[in-house]
Amino acid sequence: MKSEATSPSCRVRRPPGSVRKRVVLGLGLIVLTLLLAVGWTGFSVWVEDRYPSSDPKRALLPAAQRLVTKPVVNALSRQMERYVRRRAEAVYMSTGLTLEETIARFLDEGVALSQRRNYAYRLARVGSPECVAALLKVFQTASPEDKAFMAELIGSTGNPAAKEWLWPLLEDKDERVVKAGIRGLCAIGGEDVTARVAAILGDNRYRDLIRVEAALGLSTIGTPEARDYLLETLQQKPSLDVTTQILNGLGQFEFPTVAATFEQYLAAPETPHAMRVVAVEALAGSSAESVEFLLGVAGSDANTDVRASAAWAISTHDTVKDLGPTLATLAEREPAADVRRRLYEALLPQAEIPADRLLPMVQQERDIAARVAGFNALGHATGQQPSSAVALTFDRDIVPELVRIATQPNSLNIQMRAVFALRRAQTTEAQAALAAIATTARPQIATAARNGLRASGG
């Protein structure tokens, strides 16, 4: 006979309160884990934005960041891309029809193809034999316009099997179809596509508009092989239109991989000034390493347009924020007002603007576009340091001038930039000036001024 102390009816039961504590503790740990994950993700994004591991001059710990924060940012980027793709696909995939109904609608010749060609995306995405048969049947009788539309749509699915349906389009008699075929194939990518499109680029029997499309396609593919084909064709000295697109395509690659080509192209005495401008501006799409090269061009090239283009390209690299003193030095010794204007504009993203050096330069500007660009840089510096001596000068001397520029006859662009200079300053005087402009300037300028007041809570 079991003792009373060890019988089942006498086993110790946990009080209800302890169960609740365990549940609360478990939920708390889950919430804490989620908060830590969100916090770490946010920290990684902040670090890579402020101190990118790809930029040796700015990275805090390049090796550690590449191992720790960069993978987090890459994973987040991939998730965002997948989310955006799903949302984009929903337009074509979530039609409320079964696949069989979609095929039937797509084949219904009683409806204009312009109203059913969107179904090509879903059929290409699924890629079943029934879908492929429907696509090929419709392609046989489609107009060039509809065929071109569907070719790009099919390519955007990324389905490698779709290449077999798109290859024949490269031999189509209608150039619209050929161009669309190139776009569709390049959206899918692959070594076979790269080689075929490169062959078109290098073949001068094709018209320039087809070769331009091929160059654009290779830059879309973006592989080292695609880059090498672009470099090879550039050496063949094709037409200016084709060369322009090749340079723009090369400008999308990491600068160290194309630096020698851009240096040689700009240095070659036979390169026309207009094409040197194209080459420099192409680097607006390159990596941050191109900024040092662009600074050299902006400071030493003999051609004014090339220097101005280099300064503009620098301004597009707004993740590089330690150029304030260097840009000010370039502006101090720059003889051309248009180049100085571009240099002032390049100062706007900088973490520190040497306003004391900038102020006398800007006050001496006679070209109104350069002067207002300088006022914008000084306005930004004033917003950074509202108690500085430059800020006092800005309020006393520059604010009244900006009001006159914004309200008296000037181009819309100049007037708008005057308003933005006031918005950047964010001082009490600048806000009062915006309020005055909002009641006296023409409608577009008045609206911009009011938006500046709302943005600062005025």
Protein backbone atom coordinates (compact mmCIF):
# COMPACT_ATOMS: atom_id res chain seq x y z
CA MET A 1 0.00 0.00 0.00
CA LYS A 2 1.43 3.38 -1.08
CA SER A 3 1.95 5.91 1.57
CA GLU A 4 -0.29 8.89 1.61
CA ALA A 5 2.68 11.21 0.96
CA THR A 6 3.59 9.54 -2.34
CA SER A 7 0.13 8.82 -3.74
CA PRO A 8 -0.85 10.62 -6.98
CA SER A 9 -3.55 12.52 -5.23
CA CYS A 10 -1.00 14.03 -2.91
CA ARG A 11 1.60 15.16 -5.49
CA VAL A 12 2.61 18.80 -5.16
CA ARG A 13 0.91 21.06 -7.73
CA ARG A 14 2.37 24.32 -8.89
CA PRO A 15 0.25 27.28 -7.94
CA PRO A 16 -1.36 29.16 -10.85
CA GLY A 17 0.80 32.20 -10.12
CA SER A 18 4.04 30.41 -10.98
CA VAL A 19 2.68 29.35 -14.40
CA ARG A 20 1.75 32.93 -15.18
CA LYS A 21 5.23 34.07 -14.16
CA ARG A 22 6.80 31.53 -16.52
CA VAL A 23 4.59 32.72 -19.40
CA VAL A 24 5.36 36.37 -18.69
CA LEU A 25 9.08 35.56 -18.42
CA GLY A 26 8.98 33.69 -21.73
CA LEU A 27 7.15 36.52 -23.50
CA GLY A 28 9.60 38.99 -22.00
CA LEU A 29 12.54 37.03 -23.36
CA ILE A 30 10.92 36.89 -26.80
CA VAL A 31 10.29 40.64 -26.78
CA LEU A 32 13.84 41.29 -25.57
CA THR A 33 15.24 39.11 -28.34
CA LEU A 34 13.17 40.96 -30.93
CA LEU A 35 14.26 44.33 -29.57
CA LEU A 36 17.91 43.26 -29.66
CA ALA A 37 17.53 42.03 -33.24
CA VAL A 38 15.84 45.25 -34.35
CA GLY A 39 18.41 47.32 -32.48
CA TRP A 40 21.33 45.43 -34.01
CA THR A 41 19.84 45.74 -37.49
CA GLY A 42 19.33 49.47 -37.02
CA PHE A 43 22.85 49.87 -35.66
CA SER A 44 24.31 47.95 -38.61
CA VAL A 45 22.42 50.12 -41.12
CA TRP A 46 23.56 53.29 -39.34
CA VAL A 47 27.19 52.19 -39.24
CA GLU A 48 27.25 51.20 -42.92
CA ASP A 49 25.56 54.46 -43.89
CA ARG A 50 27.86 56.73 -41.88
CA TYR A 51 31.06 54.66 -42.07
CA PRO A 52 30.71 52.31 -45.09
CA SER A 53 33.02 49.31 -44.94
CA SER A 54 33.66 49.71 -48.69
CA ASP A 55 35.33 53.10 -48.11
CA PRO A 56 38.72 52.61 -46.38
CA LYS A 57 38.93 56.33 -45.58
CA ARG A 58 35.66 56.39 -43.67
CA ALA A 59 35.22 52.89 -42.27
CA LEU A 60 35.80 52.56 -38.53
CA LEU A 61 36.94 48.92 -38.62
CA PRO A 62 36.77 47.78 -42.26
CA ALA A 63 37.55 44.11 -41.65
CA ALA A 64 35.21 43.79 -38.67
CA GLN A 65 32.42 45.65 -40.47
CA ARG A 66 32.68 43.39 -43.50
CA LEU A 67 32.24 40.39 -41.19
CA VAL A 68 29.60 41.82 -38.85
CA THR A 69 27.53 44.79 -40.01
CA LYS A 70 27.81 44.43 -43.80
CA PRO A 71 26.19 40.94 -43.90
CA VAL A 72 23.25 42.28 -41.86
CA VAL A 73 22.74 45.18 -44.27
CA ASN A 74 23.08 42.86 -47.28
CA ALA A 75 20.51 40.45 -45.84
CA LEU A 76 18.11 43.32 -45.12
CA SER A 77 18.62 44.63 -48.67
CA ARG A 78 17.82 41.22 -50.14
CA GLN A 79 14.65 40.99 -48.06
CA MET A 80 13.58 44.44 -49.23
CA GLU A 81 14.25 43.51 -52.86
CA ARG A 82 12.15 40.35 -52.50
CA TYR A 83 9.35 42.34 -50.89
CA VAL A 84 9.39 44.97 -53.64
CA ARG A 85 9.44 42.24 -56.28
CA ARG A 86 6.44 40.48 -54.72
CA ARG A 87 4.51 43.74 -54.65
CA ALA A 88 5.39 44.43 -58.28
CA GLU A 89 4.48 40.90 -59.33
CA ALA A 90 1.11 41.10 -57.61
CA VAL A 91 -0.16 43.34 -60.43
CA TYR A 92 0.38 40.49 -62.89
CA MET A 93 0.05 37.39 -60.73
CA SER A 94 -2.95 38.21 -58.52
CA THR A 95 -5.57 38.53 -61.25
CA GLY A 96 -8.36 36.56 -59.57
CA LEU A 97 -8.17 33.99 -62.37
CA THR A 98 -6.99 30.41 -62.33
CA LEU A 99 -4.04 29.57 -64.55
CA GLU A 100 -6.35 27.86 -67.02
CA GLU A 101 -8.58 30.93 -67.16
CA THR A 102 -5.54 33.15 -67.65
CA ILE A 103 -4.38 31.07 -70.62
CA ALA A 104 -7.86 31.18 -72.13
CA ARG A 105 -8.07 34.96 -71.75
CA PHE A 106 -4.60 35.37 -73.23
CA LEU A 107 -5.58 33.34 -76.30
CA ASP A 108 -8.94 35.05 -76.81
CA GLU A 109 -8.54 36.82 -80.15
CA GLY A 110 -11.89 38.51 -79.66
CA VAL A 111 -10.16 40.88 -77.23
CA ALA A 112 -7.49 43.37 -78.34
CA LEU A 113 -4.02 42.09 -77.48
CA SER A 114 -3.25 45.41 -75.79
CA GLN A 115 -5.83 44.42 -73.15
CA ARG A 116 -4.51 40.89 -72.55
CA ARG A 117 -0.77 41.13 -73.12
CA ASN A 118 -0.14 41.69 -69.38
CA TYR A 119 -0.98 38.02 -68.87
CA ALA A 120 2.34 37.19 -70.57
CA TYR A 121 4.10 37.87 -67.26
CA ARG A 122 2.21 35.19 -65.35
CA LEU A 123 2.55 32.66 -68.14
CA ALA A 124 6.29 33.24 -68.40
CA ARG A 125 6.69 33.15 -64.62
CA VAL A 126 4.95 29.77 -64.39
CA GLY A 127 6.59 28.43 -67.54
CA SER A 128 4.53 25.23 -67.85
CA PRO A 129 4.21 23.60 -71.30
CA GLU A 130 0.67 24.99 -71.62
CA CYS A 131 1.89 28.49 -70.78
CA VAL A 132 4.79 28.29 -73.21
CA ALA A 133 2.54 27.06 -76.01
CA ALA A 134 0.16 29.99 -75.44
CA LEU A 135 3.00 32.50 -75.43
CA LEU A 136 4.53 31.19 -78.65
CA LYS A 137 1.16 31.11 -80.41
CA VAL A 138 0.38 34.74 -79.56
CA PHE A 139 3.91 35.85 -80.48
CA GLN A 140 3.44 34.51 -84.01
CA THR A 141 0.73 37.05 -84.87
CA ALA A 142 1.45 39.90 -82.43
CA SER A 143 2.24 43.36 -83.76
CA PRO A 144 5.80 44.67 -83.21
CA GLU A 145 4.52 47.01 -80.50
CA ASP A 146 2.78 44.22 -78.57
CA LYS A 147 5.65 41.82 -79.12
CA ALA A 148 8.13 44.35 -77.75
CA PHE A 149 5.92 45.01 -74.71
CA MET A 150 5.63 41.30 -73.92
CA ALA A 151 9.35 40.66 -74.46
CA GLU A 152 10.33 43.13 -71.74
CA LEU A 153 7.60 41.81 -69.46
CA ILE A 154 8.76 38.23 -69.95
CA GLY A 155 12.37 39.17 -69.25
CA SER A 156 11.40 40.93 -66.04
CA THR A 157 10.24 37.59 -64.59
CA GLY A 158 13.87 36.51 -64.40
CA ASN A 159 12.91 33.01 -65.57
CA PRO A 160 16.00 31.52 -67.34
CA ALA A 161 13.75 29.30 -69.47
CA ALA A 162 12.37 32.46 -71.11
CA LYS A 163 15.64 32.93 -72.99
CA GLU A 164 14.56 30.31 -75.51
CA TRP A 165 11.50 32.40 -76.40
CA LEU A 166 13.46 35.65 -76.57
CA TRP A 167 16.49 34.65 -78.65
CA PRO A 168 14.61 34.79 -81.97
CA LEU A 169 13.60 38.40 -81.28
CA LEU A 170 17.21 39.50 -81.74
CA GLU A 171 16.83 38.70 -85.46
CA ASP A 172 13.46 40.42 -85.87
CA LYS A 173 13.09 42.91 -88.72
CA ASP A 174 11.56 45.53 -86.44
CA GLU A 175 14.13 47.39 -84.35
CA ARG A 176 11.62 47.94 -81.56
CA VAL A 177 11.39 44.20 -81.11
CA VAL A 178 15.17 43.74 -81.21
CA LYS A 179 15.67 46.39 -78.54
CA ALA A 180 12.97 44.85 -76.36
CA GLY A 181 14.55 41.42 -76.84
CA ILE A 182 17.89 42.79 -75.63
CA ARG A 183 16.23 44.35 -72.58
CA GLY A 184 14.35 41.19 -71.74
CA LEU A 185 17.40 38.95 -72.08
CA CYS A 186 19.65 41.31 -70.10
CA ALA A 187 17.10 41.39 -67.29
CA ILE A 188 17.54 37.61 -67.04
CA GLY A 189 21.30 37.70 -67.54
CA GLY A 190 23.81 34.88 -67.78
CA GLU A 191 27.03 34.23 -69.65
CA ASP A 192 25.18 33.25 -72.82
CA VAL A 193 23.22 36.50 -72.84
CA THR A 194 26.35 38.52 -72.09
CA ALA A 195 28.23 37.00 -75.02
CA ARG A 196 25.34 37.39 -77.47
CA VAL A 197 24.63 41.01 -76.55
CA ALA A 198 28.34 41.81 -76.62
CA ALA A 199 28.48 40.45 -80.17
CA ILE A 200 25.73 42.87 -81.17
CA LEU A 201 27.58 45.76 -79.50
CA GLY A 202 30.78 44.97 -81.38
CA ASP A 203 29.12 44.47 -84.76
CA ASN A 204 29.02 47.72 -86.73
CA ARG A 205 26.49 46.22 -89.15
CA TYR A 206 23.83 47.01 -86.54
CA ARG A 207 22.49 50.53 -86.39
CA ASP A 208 23.68 52.71 -83.55
CA LEU A 209 20.38 52.64 -81.67
CA ILE A 210 20.63 48.83 -81.41
CA ARG A 211 24.28 48.98 -80.33
CA VAL A 212 23.41 51.64 -77.76
CA GLU A 213 20.75 49.29 -76.38
CA ALA A 214 23.33 46.51 -76.24
CA ALA A 215 25.73 48.71 -74.26
CA LEU A 216 22.93 49.61 -71.87
CA GLY A 217 22.09 45.92 -71.52
CA LEU A 218 25.65 44.96 -70.61
CA SER A 219 25.73 47.62 -67.89
CA THR A 220 22.44 46.19 -66.61
CA ILE A 221 23.99 42.72 -66.40
CA GLY A 222 26.86 44.29 -64.48
CA THR A 223 29.24 41.32 -64.35
CA PRO A 224 33.02 41.54 -64.81
CA GLU A 225 32.57 39.83 -68.18
CA ALA A 226 30.05 42.46 -69.26
CA ARG A 227 32.46 45.19 -68.16
CA ASP A 228 35.29 43.63 -70.18
CA TYR A 229 33.15 43.57 -73.31
CA LEU A 230 32.33 47.26 -72.84
CA LEU A 231 36.03 48.07 -72.43
CA GLU A 232 36.92 46.06 -75.53
CA THR A 233 34.36 47.86 -77.68
CA LEU A 234 35.44 51.27 -76.36
CA GLN A 235 38.94 50.60 -77.66
CA GLN A 236 37.47 50.09 -81.13
CA LYS A 237 36.38 53.76 -81.12
CA PRO A 238 32.73 53.35 -82.12
CA SER A 239 30.41 56.27 -82.92
CA LEU A 240 29.90 59.02 -80.39
CA ASP A 241 26.42 57.77 -79.48
CA VAL A 242 27.68 54.26 -78.79
CA THR A 243 30.74 55.58 -76.95
CA THR A 244 28.51 57.74 -74.77
CA GLN A 245 26.46 54.74 -73.66
CA ILE A 246 29.57 52.62 -73.11
CA LEU A 247 31.04 55.30 -70.86
CA ASN A 248 27.77 55.63 -68.98
CA GLY A 249 27.70 51.86 -68.57
CA LEU A 250 31.28 51.68 -67.34
CA GLY A 251 30.46 54.44 -64.88
CA GLN A 252 28.11 52.04 -63.08
CA PHE A 253 30.95 49.71 -62.07
CA GLU A 254 33.18 49.96 -58.99
CA PHE A 255 35.70 52.67 -59.79
CA PRO A 256 38.89 50.66 -59.11
CA THR A 257 37.87 48.25 -61.89
CA VAL A 258 37.53 51.01 -64.51
CA ALA A 259 39.85 53.72 -63.16
CA ALA A 260 42.64 53.16 -65.68
CA THR A 261 40.22 53.41 -68.60
CA PHE A 262 38.75 56.72 -67.44
CA GLU A 263 42.18 58.15 -66.71
CA GLN A 264 43.47 57.21 -70.16
CA TYR A 265 40.35 58.38 -71.94
CA LEU A 266 40.43 61.81 -70.30
CA ALA A 267 44.17 62.17 -70.86
CA ALA A 268 44.08 61.22 -74.55
CA PRO A 269 44.59 64.39 -76.65
CA GLU A 270 42.24 63.11 -79.37
CA THR A 271 39.27 62.80 -76.99
CA PRO A 272 36.80 65.62 -77.81
CA HIS A 273 35.88 68.00 -74.98
CA ALA A 274 32.24 66.97 -75.19
CA MET A 275 33.14 63.31 -74.69
CA ARG A 276 35.45 64.17 -71.80
CA VAL A 277 32.43 65.79 -70.15
CA VAL A 278 30.43 62.60 -70.80
CA ALA A 279 33.17 60.46 -69.23
CA VAL A 280 33.38 62.62 -66.12
CA GLU A 281 29.64 62.78 -65.61
CA ALA A 282 29.39 58.99 -66.03
CA LEU A 283 31.31 58.64 -62.75
CA ALA A 284 28.33 60.05 -60.88
CA GLY A 285 27.09 56.44 -60.90
CA SER A 286 30.36 54.88 -59.82
CA SER A 287 31.58 53.99 -56.34
CA ALA A 288 32.89 56.43 -53.74
CA GLU A 289 36.50 55.73 -54.73
CA SER A 290 35.90 57.85 -57.83
CA VAL A 291 35.61 61.02 -55.75
CA GLU A 292 39.36 61.41 -55.29
CA PHE A 293 39.84 61.18 -59.05
CA LEU A 294 37.03 63.66 -59.65
CA LEU A 295 38.59 66.11 -57.20
CA GLY A 296 41.77 66.00 -59.26
CA VAL A 297 39.84 66.70 -62.45
CA ALA A 298 37.85 69.53 -60.85
CA GLY A 299 41.03 71.16 -59.63
CA SER A 300 43.36 70.81 -62.58
CA ASP A 301 41.62 70.16 -65.91
CA ALA A 302 42.16 72.91 -68.46
CA ASN A 303 38.58 72.82 -69.75
CA THR A 304 35.93 74.74 -67.80
CA ASP A 305 33.09 72.41 -68.77
CA VAL A 306 35.05 69.35 -67.66
CA ARG A 307 35.85 70.94 -64.29
CA ALA A 308 32.20 71.89 -63.81
CA SER A 309 31.09 68.37 -64.67
CA ALA A 310 33.58 66.90 -62.21
CA ALA A 311 32.28 69.18 -59.45
CA TRP A 312 28.72 68.12 -60.28
CA ALA A 313 29.67 64.43 -60.20
CA ILE A 314 31.26 64.94 -56.78
CA SER A 315 28.00 66.42 -55.49
CA THR A 316 26.13 63.22 -56.42
CA HIS A 317 28.33 61.16 -54.08
CA ASP A 318 26.53 62.43 -51.00
CA THR A 319 27.79 59.57 -48.79
CA VAL A 320 31.27 61.12 -48.85
CA LYS A 321 30.99 63.83 -46.23
CA ASP A 322 34.56 64.86 -45.35
CA LEU A 323 35.33 67.08 -48.34
CA GLY A 324 34.43 70.49 -46.92
CA PRO A 325 37.94 72.00 -46.66
CA THR A 326 39.06 70.48 -49.99
CA LEU A 327 36.05 71.84 -51.87
CA ALA A 328 36.53 75.27 -50.29
CA THR A 329 40.15 75.30 -51.46
CA LEU A 330 39.08 74.41 -54.99
CA ALA A 331 36.47 77.18 -54.96
CA GLU A 332 39.00 79.75 -53.70
CA ARG A 333 41.28 79.23 -56.69
CA GLU A 334 38.61 78.53 -59.34
CA PRO A 335 38.32 81.35 -61.94
CA ALA A 336 35.02 80.24 -63.55
CA ALA A 337 31.73 81.16 -61.86
CA ASP A 338 29.92 78.08 -63.17
CA VAL A 339 32.52 75.75 -61.68
CA ARG A 340 32.38 77.61 -58.35
CA ARG A 341 28.61 77.19 -58.40
CA ARG A 342 29.00 73.44 -58.76
CA LEU A 343 31.57 73.36 -55.98
CA TYR A 344 29.22 75.26 -53.66
CA GLU A 345 26.51 72.72 -54.47
CA ALA A 346 28.93 69.88 -53.68
CA LEU A 347 29.40 71.39 -50.21
CA LEU A 348 25.77 70.81 -49.21
CA PRO A 349 26.09 67.14 -48.13
CA GLN A 350 29.31 67.76 -46.22
CA ALA A 351 29.44 67.18 -42.49
CA GLU A 352 31.44 70.35 -41.94
CA ILE A 353 31.37 73.45 -44.13
CA PRO A 354 34.25 75.95 -43.60
CA ALA A 355 31.85 78.89 -43.55
CA ASP A 356 34.46 81.46 -42.47
CA ARG A 357 36.43 80.80 -45.66
CA LEU A 358 33.29 80.55 -47.77
CA LEU A 359 31.63 83.81 -46.72
CA PRO A 360 34.04 86.32 -48.34
CA MET A 361 34.08 84.28 -51.56
CA VAL A 362 30.32 84.19 -51.85
CA GLN A 363 29.93 87.88 -51.01
CA GLN A 364 32.20 88.72 -53.96
CA GLU A 365 30.27 86.59 -56.46
CA ARG A 366 28.74 88.61 -59.32
CA ASP A 367 27.07 85.71 -61.12
CA ILE A 368 23.65 85.32 -59.50
CA ALA A 369 23.51 81.53 -59.93
CA ALA A 370 26.89 81.10 -58.22
CA ARG A 371 25.97 83.63 -55.55
CA VAL A 372 22.71 81.85 -54.65
CA ALA A 373 24.46 78.47 -54.66
CA GLY A 374 26.95 79.92 -52.20
CA PHE A 375 24.10 81.28 -50.09
CA ASN A 376 22.70 77.76 -49.92
CA ALA A 377 26.00 76.41 -48.62
CA LEU A 378 26.16 79.24 -46.06
CA GLY A 379 22.53 78.61 -45.12
CA HIS A 380 23.36 74.98 -44.47
CA ALA A 381 26.35 76.01 -42.34
CA THR A 382 24.12 78.42 -40.44
CA GLY A 383 21.69 75.60 -39.72
CA GLN A 384 24.62 73.55 -38.39
CA GLN A 385 25.99 76.39 -36.22
CA PRO A 386 23.22 78.92 -35.53
CA SER A 387 25.29 80.81 -32.93
CA SER A 388 28.36 81.37 -35.12
CA ALA A 389 29.56 84.72 -36.45
CA VAL A 390 28.72 83.57 -39.98
CA ALA A 391 25.15 82.88 -38.89
CA LEU A 392 24.85 86.44 -37.59
CA THR A 393 26.13 87.78 -40.91
CA PHE A 394 23.75 85.50 -42.77
CA ASP A 395 20.77 86.87 -40.84
CA ARG A 396 21.86 90.49 -41.12
CA ASP A 397 23.08 90.70 -44.72
CA ILE A 398 22.08 87.62 -46.68
CA VAL A 399 18.48 87.04 -45.55
CA PRO A 400 17.23 90.41 -46.89
CA GLU A 401 18.98 89.76 -50.21
CA LEU A 402 17.41 86.31 -50.49
CA VAL A 403 13.97 87.85 -49.94
CA ARG A 404 14.61 90.30 -52.78
CA ILE A 405 15.81 87.51 -55.08
CA ALA A 406 12.77 85.36 -54.29
CA THR A 407 10.20 88.12 -54.77
CA GLN A 408 11.65 90.26 -57.57
CA PRO A 409 11.98 89.29 -61.28
CA ASN A 410 14.34 86.34 -61.58
CA SER A 411 14.14 82.89 -63.10
CA LEU A 412 11.98 80.36 -61.28
CA ASN A 413 15.06 78.25 -60.58
CA ILE A 414 16.96 81.10 -58.95
CA GLN A 415 13.93 82.14 -56.89
CA MET A 416 13.39 78.58 -55.71
CA ARG A 417 17.02 78.20 -54.71
CA ALA A 418 16.80 81.43 -52.72
CA VAL A 419 13.91 79.95 -50.77
CA PHE A 420 15.85 76.75 -50.14
CA ALA A 421 18.78 78.76 -48.75
CA LEU A 422 16.40 80.29 -46.18
CA ARG A 423 14.91 76.91 -45.38
CA ARG A 424 18.35 75.47 -44.74
CA ALA A 425 19.30 78.25 -42.31
CA GLN A 426 16.33 77.61 -39.97
CA THR A 427 16.99 80.77 -37.95
CA THR A 428 14.24 83.04 -36.63
CA GLU A 429 15.10 85.67 -39.22
CA ALA A 430 15.06 83.12 -42.02
CA GLN A 431 11.66 81.85 -40.89
CA ALA A 432 10.28 85.38 -40.83
CA ALA A 433 11.63 85.88 -44.35
CA LEU A 434 9.88 82.70 -45.52
CA ALA A 435 6.62 83.94 -44.01
CA ALA A 436 6.98 87.20 -45.92
CA ILE A 437 7.77 85.40 -49.18
CA ALA A 438 4.74 83.14 -48.69
CA THR A 439 2.47 86.17 -48.93
CA THR A 440 4.21 88.15 -51.71
CA ALA A 441 5.94 85.79 -54.16
CA ARG A 442 4.43 84.03 -57.17
CA PRO A 443 2.50 80.84 -56.41
CA GLN A 444 5.25 78.21 -56.82
CA ILE A 445 7.71 80.20 -54.72
CA ALA A 446 5.09 81.04 -52.09
CA THR A 447 4.24 77.35 -51.76
CA ALA A 448 7.90 76.43 -51.31
CA ALA A 449 8.21 79.08 -48.62
CA ARG A 450 5.11 77.82 -46.78
CA ASN A 451 6.45 74.28 -46.95
CA GLY A 452 9.63 75.51 -45.29
CA LEU A 453 7.58 76.95 -42.46
CA ARG A 454 5.63 73.74 -42.00
CA ALA A 455 8.80 71.66 -42.08
CA SER A 456 10.18 73.60 -39.11
CA GLY A 457 6.90 73.77 -37.25
CA GLY A 458 6.25 77.41 -38.09
